[in-house]
Structures are given as structure tokens and as C-alpha cells.
PDB file of N, CA and C in Angstrom:
ATOM      1  N   MET A   1      58.276 -16.339 -17.233  1.00  0.00           N
ATOM      2  CA  MET A   1      56.901 -16.792 -17.336  1.00  0.00           C
ATOM      3  C   MET A   1      56.873 -18.207 -17.904  1.00  0.00           C
ATOM      4  N   THR A   2      56.105 -19.067 -17.287  1.00  0.00           N
ATOM      5  CA  THR A   2      55.862 -20.393 -17.846  1.00  0.00           C
ATOM      6  C   THR A   2      54.364 -20.551 -18.057  1.00  0.00           C
ATOM      7  N   TRP A   3      54.014 -21.257 -19.097  1.00  0.00           N
ATOM      8  CA  TRP A   3      52.598 -21.397 -19.409  1.00  0.00           C
ATOM      9  C   TRP A   3      51.843 -22.116 -18.298  1.00  0.00           C
ATOM     10  N   GLN A   4      52.540 -22.968 -17.537  1.00  0.00           N
ATOM     11  CA  GLN A   4      51.889 -23.716 -16.465  1.00  0.00           C
ATOM     12  C   GLN A   4      51.292 -22.795 -15.396  1.00  0.00           C
ATOM     13  N   ASN A   5      51.804 -21.589 -15.276  1.00  0.00           N
ATOM     14  CA  ASN A   5      51.266 -20.639 -14.303  1.00  0.00           C
ATOM     15  C   ASN A   5      49.947 -20.029 -14.762  1.00  0.00           C
ATOM     16  N   TYR A   6      49.615 -20.159 -16.032  1.00  0.00           N
ATOM     17  CA  TYR A   6      48.448 -19.497 -16.600  1.00  0.00           C
ATOM     18  C   TYR A   6      47.400 -20.440 -17.186  1.00  0.00           C
ATOM     19  N   ILE A   7      47.781 -21.670 -17.479  1.00  0.00           N
ATOM     20  CA  ILE A   7      46.920 -22.586 -18.224  1.00  0.00           C
ATOM     21  C   ILE A   7      46.538 -23.764 -17.347  1.00  0.00           C
ATOM     22  N   SER A   8      45.252 -24.170 -17.418  1.00  0.00           N
ATOM     23  CA  SER A   8      44.816 -25.323 -16.628  1.00  0.00           C
ATOM     24  C   SER A   8      43.676 -26.043 -17.331  1.00  0.00           C
ATOM     25  N   SER A   9      43.395 -27.209 -16.822  1.00  0.00           N
ATOM     26  CA  SER A   9      42.267 -28.003 -17.309  1.00  0.00           C
ATOM     27  C   SER A   9      41.559 -28.573 -16.096  1.00  0.00           C
ATOM     28  N   ASP A  10      40.257 -28.358 -16.036  1.00  0.00           N
ATOM     29  CA  ASP A  10      39.431 -28.836 -14.928  1.00  0.00           C
ATOM     30  C   ASP A  10      38.195 -29.476 -15.532  1.00  0.00           C
ATOM     31  N   PRO A  11      37.918 -30.731 -15.199  1.00  0.00           N
ATOM     32  CA  PRO A  11      36.754 -31.400 -15.802  1.00  0.00           C
ATOM     33  C   PRO A  11      35.435 -30.688 -15.516  1.00  0.00           C
ATOM     34  N   ASN A  12      35.398 -29.830 -14.507  1.00  0.00           N
ATOM     35  CA  ASN A  12      34.173 -29.102 -14.164  1.00  0.00           C
ATOM     36  C   ASN A  12      34.069 -27.748 -14.850  1.00  0.00           C
ATOM     37  N   ILE A  13      35.078 -27.368 -15.611  1.00  0.00           N
ATOM     38  CA  ILE A  13      35.066 -26.086 -16.317  1.00  0.00           C
ATOM     39  C   ILE A  13      35.238 -26.355 -17.803  1.00  0.00           C
ATOM     40  N   CYS A  14      34.291 -25.910 -18.588  1.00  0.00           N
ATOM     41  CA  CYS A  14      34.334 -26.061 -20.060  1.00  0.00           C
ATOM     42  C   CYS A  14      34.597 -27.502 -20.481  1.00  0.00           C
ATOM     43  N   HIS A  15      33.988 -28.440 -19.754  1.00  0.00           N
ATOM     44  CA  HIS A  15      34.100 -29.868 -20.077  1.00  0.00           C
ATOM     45  C   HIS A  15      35.547 -30.350 -20.122  1.00  0.00           C
ATOM     46  N   GLY A  16      36.403 -29.731 -19.310  1.00  0.00           N
ATOM     47  CA  GLY A  16      37.797 -30.155 -19.246  1.00  0.00           C
ATOM     48  C   GLY A  16      38.697 -29.574 -20.312  1.00  0.00           C
ATOM     49  N   ARG A  17      38.151 -28.715 -21.156  1.00  0.00           N
ATOM     50  CA  ARG A  17      38.986 -28.075 -22.181  1.00  0.00           C
ATOM     51  C   ARG A  17      40.035 -27.199 -21.505  1.00  0.00           C
ATOM     52  N   VAL A  18      41.157 -27.036 -22.134  1.00  0.00           N
ATOM     53  CA  VAL A  18      42.255 -26.256 -21.567  1.00  0.00           C
ATOM     54  C   VAL A  18      41.885 -24.770 -21.634  1.00  0.00           C
ATOM     55  N   CYS A  19      41.939 -24.118 -20.463  1.00  0.00           N
ATOM     56  CA  CYS A  19      41.542 -22.716 -20.334  1.00  0.00           C
ATOM     57  C   CYS A  19      42.628 -21.912 -19.628  1.00  0.00           C
ATOM     58  N   VAL A  20      42.484 -20.602 -19.706  1.00  0.00           N
ATOM     59  CA  VAL A  20      43.310 -19.719 -18.900  1.00  0.00           C
ATOM     60  C   VAL A  20      42.786 -19.815 -17.471  1.00  0.00           C
ATOM     61  N   LYS A  21      43.683 -20.018 -16.524  1.00  0.00           N
ATOM     62  CA  LYS A  21      43.293 -20.171 -15.122  1.00  0.00           C
ATOM     63  C   LYS A  21      42.422 -19.007 -14.668  1.00  0.00           C
ATOM     64  N   GLY A  22      41.386 -19.346 -13.915  1.00  0.00           N
ATOM     65  CA  GLY A  22      40.501 -18.328 -13.368  1.00  0.00           C
ATOM     66  C   GLY A  22      39.483 -17.783 -14.346  1.00  0.00           C
ATOM     67  N   THR A  23      39.452 -18.357 -15.557  1.00  0.00           N
ATOM     68  CA  THR A  23      38.492 -17.919 -16.571  1.00  0.00           C
ATOM     69  C   THR A  23      37.839 -19.145 -17.206  1.00  0.00           C
ATOM     70  N   ARG A  24      36.903 -18.893 -18.055  1.00  0.00           N
ATOM     71  CA  ARG A  24      36.322 -19.943 -18.889  1.00  0.00           C
ATOM     72  C   ARG A  24      36.710 -19.708 -20.347  1.00  0.00           C
ATOM     73  N   ILE A  25      37.809 -19.038 -20.538  1.00  0.00           N
ATOM     74  CA  ILE A  25      38.289 -18.739 -21.888  1.00  0.00           C
ATOM     75  C   ILE A  25      39.277 -19.825 -22.296  1.00  0.00           C
ATOM     76  N   MET A  26      38.872 -20.582 -23.300  1.00  0.00           N
ATOM     77  CA  MET A  26      39.685 -21.704 -23.747  1.00  0.00           C
ATOM     78  C   MET A  26      40.888 -21.221 -24.551  1.00  0.00           C
ATOM     79  N   VAL A  27      41.970 -21.963 -24.433  1.00  0.00           N
ATOM     80  CA  VAL A  27      43.171 -21.664 -25.208  1.00  0.00           C
ATOM     81  C   VAL A  27      42.838 -21.656 -26.691  1.00  0.00           C
ATOM     82  N   SER A  28      41.973 -22.542 -27.115  1.00  0.00           N
ATOM     83  CA  SER A  28      41.613 -22.603 -28.538  1.00  0.00           C
ATOM     84  C   SER A  28      40.965 -21.304 -29.008  1.00  0.00           C
ATOM     85  N   VAL A  29      40.231 -20.619 -28.154  1.00  0.00           N
ATOM     86  CA  VAL A  29      39.616 -19.337 -28.517  1.00  0.00           C
ATOM     87  C   VAL A  29      40.711 -18.295 -28.758  1.00  0.00           C
ATOM     88  N   ILE A  30      41.701 -18.287 -27.889  1.00  0.00           N
ATOM     89  CA  ILE A  30      42.813 -17.346 -28.059  1.00  0.00           C
ATOM     90  C   ILE A  30      43.557 -17.645 -29.352  1.00  0.00           C
ATOM     91  N   LEU A  31      43.848 -18.915 -29.598  1.00  0.00           N
ATOM     92  CA  LEU A  31      44.575 -19.291 -30.818  1.00  0.00           C
ATOM     93  C   LEU A  31      43.767 -18.975 -32.071  1.00  0.00           C
ATOM     94  N   ASP A  32      42.461 -19.203 -32.026  1.00  0.00           N
ATOM     95  CA  ASP A  32      41.605 -18.859 -33.167  1.00  0.00           C
ATOM     96  C   ASP A  32      41.674 -17.363 -33.461  1.00  0.00           C
ATOM     97  N   ASN A  33      41.633 -16.548 -32.423  1.00  0.00           N
ATOM     98  CA  ASN A  33      41.719 -15.103 -32.604  1.00  0.00           C
ATOM     99  C   ASN A  33      43.063 -14.692 -33.191  1.00  0.00           C
ATOM    100  N   LEU A  34      44.145 -15.287 -32.701  1.00  0.00           N
ATOM    101  CA  LEU A  34      45.461 -14.991 -33.262  1.00  0.00           C
ATOM    102  C   LEU A  34      45.526 -15.419 -34.729  1.00  0.00           C
ATOM    103  N   ALA A  35      44.974 -16.594 -35.040  1.00  0.00           N
ATOM    104  CA  ALA A  35      44.978 -17.090 -36.418  1.00  0.00           C
ATOM    105  C   ALA A  35      44.184 -16.178 -37.349  1.00  0.00           C
ATOM    106  N   GLU A  36      43.167 -15.515 -36.798  1.00  0.00           N
ATOM    107  CA  GLU A  36      42.362 -14.593 -37.599  1.00  0.00           C
ATOM    108  C   GLU A  36      43.049 -13.248 -37.790  1.00  0.00           C
ATOM    109  N   GLY A  37      44.212 -13.088 -37.162  1.00  0.00           N
ATOM    110  CA  GLY A  37      44.974 -11.870 -37.361  1.00  0.00           C
ATOM    111  C   GLY A  37      44.841 -10.832 -36.262  1.00  0.00           C
ATOM    112  N   HIS A  38      44.120 -11.161 -35.192  1.00  0.00           N
ATOM    113  CA  HIS A  38      43.990 -10.222 -34.083  1.00  0.00           C
ATOM    114  C   HIS A  38      45.286 -10.186 -33.289  1.00  0.00           C
ATOM    115  N   THR A  39      45.612  -9.026 -32.782  1.00  0.00           N
ATOM    116  CA  THR A  39      46.809  -8.878 -31.964  1.00  0.00           C
ATOM    117  C   THR A  39      46.493  -9.294 -30.531  1.00  0.00           C
ATOM    118  N   PRO A  40      47.517  -9.613 -29.755  1.00  0.00           N
ATOM    119  CA  PRO A  40      47.274  -9.914 -28.335  1.00  0.00           C
ATOM    120  C   PRO A  40      46.555  -8.772 -27.621  1.00  0.00           C
ATOM    121  N   GLU A  41      46.881  -7.548 -27.966  1.00  0.00           N
ATOM    122  CA  GLU A  41      46.210  -6.399 -27.350  1.00  0.00           C
ATOM    123  C   GLU A  41      44.718  -6.382 -27.669  1.00  0.00           C
ATOM    124  N   GLU A  42      44.367  -6.697 -28.901  1.00  0.00           N
ATOM    125  CA  GLU A  42      42.946  -6.761 -29.280  1.00  0.00           C
ATOM    126  C   GLU A  42      42.230  -7.878 -28.522  1.00  0.00           C
ATOM    127  N   ILE A  43      42.901  -9.007 -28.380  1.00  0.00           N
ATOM    128  CA  ILE A  43      42.282 -10.137 -27.670  1.00  0.00           C
ATOM    129  C   ILE A  43      42.006  -9.766 -26.225  1.00  0.00           C
ATOM    130  N   VAL A  44      42.935  -9.054 -25.597  1.00  0.00           N
ATOM    131  CA  VAL A  44      42.724  -8.598 -24.215  1.00  0.00           C
ATOM    132  C   VAL A  44      41.552  -7.615 -24.168  1.00  0.00           C
ATOM    133  N   GLU A  45      41.388  -6.797 -25.200  1.00  0.00           N
ATOM    134  CA  GLU A  45      40.229  -5.893 -25.260  1.00  0.00           C
ATOM    135  C   GLU A  45      38.932  -6.684 -25.379  1.00  0.00           C
ATOM    136  N   PHE A  46      38.937  -7.744 -26.214  1.00  0.00           N
ATOM    137  CA  PHE A  46      37.745  -8.568 -26.408  1.00  0.00           C
ATOM    138  C   PHE A  46      37.389  -9.328 -25.133  1.00  0.00           C
ATOM    139  N   TYR A  47      38.403  -9.784 -24.412  1.00  0.00           N
ATOM    140  CA  TYR A  47      38.236 -10.611 -23.213  1.00  0.00           C
ATOM    141  C   TYR A  47      38.988  -9.955 -22.056  1.00  0.00           C
ATOM    142  N   PRO A  48      38.360  -9.005 -21.370  1.00  0.00           N
ATOM    143  CA  PRO A  48      39.057  -8.225 -20.332  1.00  0.00           C
ATOM    144  C   PRO A  48      39.606  -9.041 -19.165  1.00  0.00           C
ATOM    145  N   SER A  49      39.148 -10.262 -18.980  1.00  0.00           N
ATOM    146  CA  SER A  49      39.696 -11.083 -17.897  1.00  0.00           C
ATOM    147  C   SER A  49      41.061 -11.670 -18.250  1.00  0.00           C
ATOM    148  N   LEU A  50      41.470 -11.508 -19.525  1.00  0.00           N
ATOM    149  CA  LEU A  50      42.795 -11.966 -19.950  1.00  0.00           C
ATOM    150  C   LEU A  50      43.817 -10.858 -19.752  1.00  0.00           C
ATOM    151  N   THR A  51      45.072 -11.266 -19.710  1.00  0.00           N
ATOM    152  CA  THR A  51      46.194 -10.329 -19.705  1.00  0.00           C
ATOM    153  C   THR A  51      47.076 -10.657 -20.902  1.00  0.00           C
ATOM    154  N   LEU A  52      47.969  -9.758 -21.232  1.00  0.00           N
ATOM    155  CA  LEU A  52      48.914 -10.057 -22.311  1.00  0.00           C
ATOM    156  C   LEU A  52      49.733 -11.289 -21.972  1.00  0.00           C
ATOM    157  N   GLU A  53      50.074 -11.456 -20.697  1.00  0.00           N
ATOM    158  CA  GLU A  53      50.846 -12.629 -20.278  1.00  0.00           C
ATOM    159  C   GLU A  53      50.061 -13.917 -20.484  1.00  0.00           C
ATOM    160  N   SER A  54      48.754 -13.892 -20.219  1.00  0.00           N
ATOM    161  CA  SER A  54      47.962 -15.110 -20.402  1.00  0.00           C
ATOM    162  C   SER A  54      47.807 -15.447 -21.882  1.00  0.00           C
ATOM    163  N   VAL A  55      47.733 -14.442 -22.736  1.00  0.00           N
ATOM    164  CA  VAL A  55      47.680 -14.693 -24.183  1.00  0.00           C
ATOM    165  C   VAL A  55      48.998 -15.309 -24.641  1.00  0.00           C
ATOM    166  N   ARG A  56      50.103 -14.782 -24.167  1.00  0.00           N
ATOM    167  CA  ARG A  56      51.413 -15.351 -24.518  1.00  0.00           C
ATOM    168  C   ARG A  56      51.544 -16.770 -23.978  1.00  0.00           C
ATOM    169  N   ALA A  57      51.013 -17.009 -22.795  1.00  0.00           N
ATOM    170  CA  ALA A  57      51.067 -18.349 -22.212  1.00  0.00           C
ATOM    171  C   ALA A  57      50.282 -19.342 -23.066  1.00  0.00           C
ATOM    172  N   ALA A  58      49.155 -18.917 -23.609  1.00  0.00           N
ATOM    173  CA  ALA A  58      48.371 -19.791 -24.488  1.00  0.00           C
ATOM    174  C   ALA A  58      49.179 -20.158 -25.726  1.00  0.00           C
ATOM    175  N   LEU A  59      49.891 -19.195 -26.257  1.00  0.00           N
ATOM    176  CA  LEU A  59      50.733 -19.451 -27.425  1.00  0.00           C
ATOM    177  C   LEU A  59      51.905 -20.355 -27.067  1.00  0.00           C
ATOM    178  N   ASP A  60      52.494 -20.135 -25.909  1.00  0.00           N
ATOM    179  CA  ASP A  60      53.587 -21.001 -25.431  1.00  0.00           C
ATOM    180  C   ASP A  60      53.090 -22.433 -25.233  1.00  0.00           C
ATOM    181  N   TYR A  61      51.886 -22.584 -24.703  1.00  0.00           N
ATOM    182  CA  TYR A  61      51.294 -23.911 -24.507  1.00  0.00           C
ATOM    183  C   TYR A  61      51.114 -24.615 -25.851  1.00  0.00           C
ATOM    184  N   ALA A  62      50.602 -23.890 -26.829  1.00  0.00           N
ATOM    185  CA  ALA A  62      50.411 -24.471 -28.163  1.00  0.00           C
ATOM    186  C   ALA A  62      51.750 -24.883 -28.777  1.00  0.00           C
ATOM    187  N   ALA A  63      52.769 -24.064 -28.588  1.00  0.00           N
ATOM    188  CA  ALA A  63      54.104 -24.397 -29.103  1.00  0.00           C
ATOM    189  C   ALA A  63      54.641 -25.644 -28.414  1.00  0.00           C
ATOM    190  N   TYR A  64      54.418 -25.744 -27.125  1.00  0.00           N
ATOM    191  CA  TYR A  64      54.843 -26.927 -26.364  1.00  0.00           C
ATOM    192  C   TYR A  64      54.180 -28.183 -26.928  1.00  0.00           C
ATOM    193  N   LEU A  65      52.886 -28.120 -27.195  1.00  0.00           N
ATOM    194  CA  LEU A  65      52.179 -29.282 -27.744  1.00  0.00           C
ATOM    195  C   LEU A  65      52.679 -29.638 -29.140  1.00  0.00           C
ATOM    196  N   ALA A  66      52.978 -28.642 -29.940  1.00  0.00           N
ATOM    197  CA  ALA A  66      53.403 -28.887 -31.317  1.00  0.00           C
ATOM    198  C   ALA A  66      54.766 -29.563 -31.390  1.00  0.00           C
ATOM    199  N   LYS A  67      55.583 -29.376 -30.381  1.00  0.00           N
ATOM    200  CA  LYS A  67      56.918 -29.965 -30.397  1.00  0.00           C
ATOM    201  C   LYS A  67      56.889 -31.482 -30.302  1.00  0.00           C
ATOM    202  N   ASP A  68      55.858 -32.041 -29.715  1.00  0.00           N
ATOM    203  CA  ASP A  68      55.791 -33.482 -29.513  1.00  0.00           C
ATOM    204  C   ASP A  68      54.948 -34.200 -30.561  1.00  0.00           C
ATOM    205  N   GLU A  69      54.416 -33.491 -31.493  1.00  0.00           N
ATOM    206  CA  GLU A  69      53.508 -34.085 -32.465  1.00  0.00           C
ATOM    207  C   GLU A  69      54.186 -34.230 -33.813  1.00  0.00           C
ATOM    208  N   ILE A  70      54.128 -35.429 -34.367  1.00  0.00           N
ATOM    209  CA  ILE A  70      54.621 -35.667 -35.718  1.00  0.00           C
ATOM    210  C   ILE A  70      53.418 -36.008 -36.575  1.00  0.00           C
ATOM    211  N   ILE A  71      53.226 -35.244 -37.614  1.00  0.00           N
ATOM    212  CA  ILE A  71      52.093 -35.461 -38.497  1.00  0.00           C
ATOM    213  C   ILE A  71      52.615 -36.024 -39.809  1.00  0.00           C
ATOM    214  N   GLU A  72      52.179 -37.204 -40.130  1.00  0.00           N
ATOM    215  CA  GLU A  72      52.611 -37.825 -41.371  1.00  0.00           C
ATOM    216  C   GLU A  72      51.678 -37.357 -42.496  1.00  0.00           C
ATOM    217  N   TYR A  73      52.239 -37.149 -43.649  1.00  0.00           N
ATOM    218  CA  TYR A  73      51.450 -36.750 -44.780  1.00  0.00           C
ATOM    219  C   TYR A  73      52.036 -37.390 -46.033  1.00  0.00           C
ATOM    220  N   ALA A  74      51.203 -37.518 -47.002  1.00  0.00           N
ATOM    221  CA  ALA A  74      51.643 -38.101 -48.277  1.00  0.00           C
ATOM    222  C   ALA A  74      52.362 -37.025 -49.076  1.00  0.00           C
ATOM    223  N   ALA A  75      53.458 -37.389 -49.674  1.00  0.00           N
ATOM    224  CA  ALA A  75      54.202 -36.440 -50.513  1.00  0.00           C
ATOM    225  C   ALA A  75      53.357 -36.083 -51.723  1.00  0.00           C
ATOM    226  N   ALA A  76      53.450 -34.846 -52.126  1.00  0.00           N
ATOM    227  CA  ALA A  76      52.707 -34.413 -53.300  1.00  0.00           C
ATOM    228  C   ALA A  76      53.244 -35.118 -54.539  1.00  0.00           C
ATOM    229  N   GLU A  77      52.325 -35.556 -55.371  1.00  0.00           N
ATOM    230  CA  GLU A  77      52.729 -36.240 -56.600  1.00  0.00           C
ATOM    231  C   GLU A  77      53.089 -35.200 -57.659  1.00  0.00           C
ATOM    232  N   ALA A  78      54.127 -35.504 -58.392  1.00  0.00           N
ATOM    233  CA  ALA A  78      54.577 -34.567 -59.450  1.00  0.00           C
ATOM    234  C   ALA A  78      53.800 -34.768 -60.710  1.00  0.00           C
TER     235      ALA A  78
END
């Protein structure tokens, strides 16, 4: 499975936000649900147009994006 098979962006759908193909469910919605502690199975229950594979693809997409991002931060002062 590759995330490219499940994730897309179309300027005419959700203002171009990244969504699961064939839905209007944004990847950010899936990630928010995971961050809140919901399981992939629960997310599929909440959004029946999703599959477990599409939830995993959203997570894979987020991991792909995180690999290329360097966030600079100030070191904590002692």
C-alpha cells in the first residue's frame, strides 16, 4: 500500500485540502481523531466511507511530510 493510492488534493474539493480520494474527508480530520486517542476502527465507524487502509494511508502521508520538515526551536534555558 502506498499513500498515493488513497490521498489526493483537488482545488474543487474542500478548497484543495488533502483528502482521502473519493471523499471529502480531510487527512487532518483523520489525524485529529488519532491524536484524540480514537482507534482506526473507531474512525472508520465515525466515517463509513473510509477504510482501515485509507486511515493508514493518511498516517503514512503525515509521516512522509514530517520527514522533510526541520523545525528550529530555541533551547530551553537552564
